């Protein structure tokens, strides 16, 4: 089975470089936190404007 990192093109399952794997993990965590923060601010704006709240999946489709 292959799991390819989109940014680096590296097969994570075959990689033995711990530093590279750590960097990939940190990048993914940072990106996820930024997306969660953006979604949170979006929900706050929706609540202030009395708009219906949408699911993270729907927001991600719109925000993409």
C-alpha atoms as a PDB file:
ATOM      1  CA  UNK A   1       0.000   0.000   0.000  1.00  0.00           C
ATOM      2  CA  UNK A   2       1.247   3.489  -0.817  1.00  0.00           C
ATOM      3  CA  UNK A   3       0.389   6.686   0.997  1.00  0.00           C
ATOM      4  CA  UNK A   4       1.849   9.581  -0.967  1.00  0.00           C
ATOM      5  CA  UNK A   5       2.293  13.013   0.624  1.00  0.00           C
ATOM      6  CA  UNK A   6       0.847  15.605  -1.768  1.00  0.00           C
ATOM      7  CA  UNK A   7       3.479  18.275  -1.132  1.00  0.00           C
ATOM      8  CA  UNK A   8       6.608  16.160  -1.207  1.00  0.00           C
ATOM      9  CA  UNK A   9       5.526  13.217  -3.357  1.00  0.00           C
ATOM     10  CA  UNK A  10       7.092  10.850  -0.827  1.00  0.00           C
ATOM     11  CA  UNK A  11       5.583   7.467  -0.041  1.00  0.00           C
ATOM     12  CA  UNK A  12       5.106   7.778   3.711  1.00  0.00           C
ATOM     13  CA  UNK A  13       4.855   4.012   4.230  1.00  0.00           C
ATOM     14  CA  UNK A  14       8.287   3.414   2.659  1.00  0.00           C
ATOM     15  CA  UNK A  15      10.099   6.419   4.164  1.00  0.00           C
ATOM     16  CA  UNK A  16      12.683   5.659   6.851  1.00  0.00           C
ATOM     17  CA  UNK A  17      13.804   9.251   7.451  1.00  0.00           C
ATOM     18  CA  UNK A  18      12.319  10.177  10.835  1.00  0.00           C
ATOM     19  CA  UNK A  19      13.072  13.888  10.395  1.00  0.00           C
ATOM     20  CA  UNK A  20      11.250  14.010   7.073  1.00  0.00           C
ATOM     21  CA  UNK A  21       8.251  12.184   8.523  1.00  0.00           C
ATOM     22  CA  UNK A  22       8.227  14.561  11.502  1.00  0.00           C
ATOM     23  CA  UNK A  23       8.264  17.582   9.180  1.00  0.00           C
ATOM     24  CA  UNK A  24       5.396  16.147   7.113  1.00  0.00           C
ATOM     25  CA  UNK A  25       3.384  15.515  10.290  1.00  0.00           C
ATOM     26  CA  UNK A  26       4.017  19.020  11.645  1.00  0.00           C
ATOM     27  CA  UNK A  27       3.013  20.568   8.295  1.00  0.00           C
ATOM     28  CA  UNK A  28      -0.227  18.555   8.233  1.00  0.00           C
ATOM     29  CA  UNK A  29      -1.081  19.463  11.828  1.00  0.00           C
ATOM     30  CA  UNK A  30      -0.403  23.151  11.159  1.00  0.00           C
ATOM     31  CA  UNK A  31      -2.577  23.116   8.049  1.00  0.00           C
ATOM     32  CA  UNK A  32      -5.410  21.387   9.910  1.00  0.00           C
ATOM     33  CA  UNK A  33      -5.270  23.912  12.759  1.00  0.00           C
ATOM     34  CA  UNK A  34      -5.419  26.808  10.270  1.00  0.00           C
ATOM     35  CA  UNK A  35      -8.462  25.264   8.558  1.00  0.00           C
ATOM     36  CA  UNK A  36     -10.188  24.751  11.912  1.00  0.00           C
ATOM     37  CA  UNK A  37      -9.506  28.374  12.835  1.00  0.00           C
ATOM     38  CA  UNK A  38     -10.930  29.630   9.526  1.00  0.00           C
ATOM     39  CA  UNK A  39     -14.016  27.450   9.941  1.00  0.00           C
ATOM     40  CA  UNK A  40     -14.486  28.746  13.490  1.00  0.00           C
ATOM     41  CA  UNK A  41     -14.380  32.367  12.320  1.00  0.00           C
ATOM     42  CA  UNK A  42     -16.816  31.484   9.541  1.00  0.00           C
ATOM     43  CA  UNK A  43     -19.229  30.023  12.105  1.00  0.00           C
ATOM     44  CA  UNK A  44     -18.947  33.154  14.251  1.00  0.00           C
ATOM     45  CA  UNK A  45     -19.800  35.353  11.265  1.00  0.00           C
ATOM     46  CA  UNK A  46     -22.762  33.131  10.371  1.00  0.00           C
ATOM     47  CA  UNK A  47     -24.027  33.311  13.936  1.00  0.00           C
ATOM     48  CA  UNK A  48     -23.682  37.102  14.061  1.00  0.00           C
ATOM     49  CA  UNK A  49     -25.550  37.483  10.776  1.00  0.00           C
ATOM     50  CA  UNK A  50     -28.191  34.931  11.826  1.00  0.00           C
ATOM     51  CA  UNK A  51     -27.312  32.693   8.859  1.00  0.00           C
ATOM     52  CA  UNK A  52     -27.701  28.915   8.986  1.00  0.00           C
ATOM     53  CA  UNK A  53     -24.596  27.056  10.061  1.00  0.00           C
ATOM     54  CA  UNK A  54     -23.113  24.567   7.603  1.00  0.00           C
ATOM     55  CA  UNK A  55     -21.086  21.449   8.235  1.00  0.00           C
ATOM     56  CA  UNK A  56     -17.290  21.465   7.900  1.00  0.00           C
ATOM     57  CA  UNK A  57     -17.592  19.265   4.799  1.00  0.00           C
ATOM     58  CA  UNK A  58     -19.873  21.752   3.059  1.00  0.00           C
ATOM     59  CA  UNK A  59     -17.699  24.691   4.141  1.00  0.00           C
ATOM     60  CA  UNK A  60     -14.595  22.990   2.776  1.00  0.00           C
ATOM     61  CA  UNK A  61     -16.317  22.475  -0.601  1.00  0.00           C
ATOM     62  CA  UNK A  62     -17.241  26.160  -0.744  1.00  0.00           C
ATOM     63  CA  UNK A  63     -13.875  27.371   0.564  1.00  0.00           C
ATOM     64  CA  UNK A  64     -11.788  25.257  -1.803  1.00  0.00           C
END
